[in-house]
């Protein structure tokens, strides 16, 4: 199945992103302000997040959390 183009990709609200990461929606807004996660502004000024980017970030964080500790 082909990846959705940016024009028809689902956009998530800060609340939906917060639910995935189990954090407060204000935390998600801070991450966006700090550039840790990309966001799009709606015409009304609300933030929205690309679902593919959010899920990719979540997958990266989840895999990092489950990796065995590095031995050096």
C-alpha atoms as a PDB file:
ATOM      1  CA  UNK A   1       0.000   0.000   0.000  1.00  0.00           C
ATOM      2  CA  UNK A   2       1.365   3.405  -0.931  1.00  0.00           C
ATOM      3  CA  UNK A   3       2.099   5.997   1.721  1.00  0.00           C
ATOM      4  CA  UNK A   4      -0.492   8.773   1.843  1.00  0.00           C
ATOM      5  CA  UNK A   5       0.481  12.051   0.239  1.00  0.00           C
ATOM      6  CA  UNK A   6       0.845  15.058   2.499  1.00  0.00           C
ATOM      7  CA  UNK A   7      -2.458  16.442   1.214  1.00  0.00           C
ATOM      8  CA  UNK A   8      -4.568  13.503   2.426  1.00  0.00           C
ATOM      9  CA  UNK A   9      -2.572  12.453   5.469  1.00  0.00           C
ATOM     10  CA  UNK A  10      -4.468  12.439   8.758  1.00  0.00           C
ATOM     11  CA  UNK A  11      -3.642  15.300  11.086  1.00  0.00           C
ATOM     12  CA  UNK A  12      -3.769  14.783  14.842  1.00  0.00           C
ATOM     13  CA  UNK A  13      -4.721  17.301  17.503  1.00  0.00           C
ATOM     14  CA  UNK A  14      -2.392  17.978  20.443  1.00  0.00           C
ATOM     15  CA  UNK A  15      -4.805  15.984  22.606  1.00  0.00           C
ATOM     16  CA  UNK A  16      -4.587  12.937  20.327  1.00  0.00           C
ATOM     17  CA  UNK A  17      -0.781  13.132  20.259  1.00  0.00           C
ATOM     18  CA  UNK A  18      -0.722  13.525  24.039  1.00  0.00           C
ATOM     19  CA  UNK A  19      -2.812  10.377  24.391  1.00  0.00           C
ATOM     20  CA  UNK A  20      -0.359   8.370  22.300  1.00  0.00           C
ATOM     21  CA  UNK A  21       2.622   9.559  24.344  1.00  0.00           C
ATOM     22  CA  UNK A  22       0.706   9.551  27.649  1.00  0.00           C
ATOM     23  CA  UNK A  23       1.620  13.163  28.396  1.00  0.00           C
ATOM     24  CA  UNK A  24      -0.349  16.379  28.902  1.00  0.00           C
ATOM     25  CA  UNK A  25      -1.409  18.226  25.710  1.00  0.00           C
ATOM     26  CA  UNK A  26       0.605  21.252  26.895  1.00  0.00           C
ATOM     27  CA  UNK A  27       3.713  19.060  26.782  1.00  0.00           C
ATOM     28  CA  UNK A  28       3.040  18.305  23.118  1.00  0.00           C
ATOM     29  CA  UNK A  29       2.684  22.039  22.435  1.00  0.00           C
ATOM     30  CA  UNK A  30       6.020  22.676  24.174  1.00  0.00           C
ATOM     31  CA  UNK A  31       7.680  19.954  22.069  1.00  0.00           C
ATOM     32  CA  UNK A  32       6.371  21.643  18.919  1.00  0.00           C
ATOM     33  CA  UNK A  33       7.585  25.066  20.086  1.00  0.00           C
ATOM     34  CA  UNK A  34      11.023  23.579  20.801  1.00  0.00           C
ATOM     35  CA  UNK A  35      11.165  21.902  17.372  1.00  0.00           C
ATOM     36  CA  UNK A  36      11.134  18.366  18.770  1.00  0.00           C
ATOM     37  CA  UNK A  37       8.083  17.511  16.670  1.00  0.00           C
ATOM     38  CA  UNK A  38       6.825  19.188  13.510  1.00  0.00           C
ATOM     39  CA  UNK A  39       3.453  20.896  13.487  1.00  0.00           C
ATOM     40  CA  UNK A  40       1.120  22.604  11.065  1.00  0.00           C
ATOM     41  CA  UNK A  41      -1.011  25.621  11.930  1.00  0.00           C
ATOM     42  CA  UNK A  42      -4.647  25.615  10.868  1.00  0.00           C
ATOM     43  CA  UNK A  43      -6.184  28.830   9.505  1.00  0.00           C
ATOM     44  CA  UNK A  44      -7.602  29.329  13.017  1.00  0.00           C
ATOM     45  CA  UNK A  45      -4.118  29.103  14.563  1.00  0.00           C
ATOM     46  CA  UNK A  46      -4.450  25.637  16.094  1.00  0.00           C
ATOM     47  CA  UNK A  47      -1.607  23.125  15.909  1.00  0.00           C
ATOM     48  CA  UNK A  48      -1.986  19.854  14.066  1.00  0.00           C
ATOM     49  CA  UNK A  49       0.551  17.047  13.747  1.00  0.00           C
ATOM     50  CA  UNK A  50       1.157  14.651  10.851  1.00  0.00           C
ATOM     51  CA  UNK A  51       0.144  11.169  11.951  1.00  0.00           C
ATOM     52  CA  UNK A  52       3.067   9.511  10.127  1.00  0.00           C
ATOM     53  CA  UNK A  53       5.618  11.758  11.863  1.00  0.00           C
ATOM     54  CA  UNK A  54       4.020  11.213  15.271  1.00  0.00           C
ATOM     55  CA  UNK A  55       3.901   7.435  14.839  1.00  0.00           C
ATOM     56  CA  UNK A  56       7.513   7.399  13.586  1.00  0.00           C
ATOM     57  CA  UNK A  57       8.684   9.361  16.612  1.00  0.00           C
ATOM     58  CA  UNK A  58       6.687   7.115  18.913  1.00  0.00           C
ATOM     59  CA  UNK A  59       8.213   4.015  17.288  1.00  0.00           C
ATOM     60  CA  UNK A  60      11.745   5.448  17.668  1.00  0.00           C
ATOM     61  CA  UNK A  61      11.177   6.238  21.345  1.00  0.00           C
ATOM     62  CA  UNK A  62       9.603   2.850  21.989  1.00  0.00           C
ATOM     63  CA  UNK A  63      12.475   0.963  20.341  1.00  0.00           C
ATOM     64  CA  UNK A  64      15.038   3.030  22.285  1.00  0.00           C
ATOM     65  CA  UNK A  65      13.241   2.224  25.529  1.00  0.00           C
ATOM     66  CA  UNK A  66      13.335  -1.522  24.831  1.00  0.00           C
ATOM     67  CA  UNK A  67      16.961  -1.759  23.681  1.00  0.00           C
ATOM     68  CA  UNK A  68      19.348  -3.474  26.083  1.00  0.00           C
ATOM     69  CA  UNK A  69      21.800  -1.100  27.765  1.00  0.00           C
ATOM     70  CA  UNK A  70      24.989  -0.427  25.821  1.00  0.00           C
ATOM     71  CA  UNK A  71      28.138  -1.904  27.312  1.00  0.00           C
ATOM     72  CA  UNK A  72      31.219   0.227  26.934  1.00  0.00           C
END
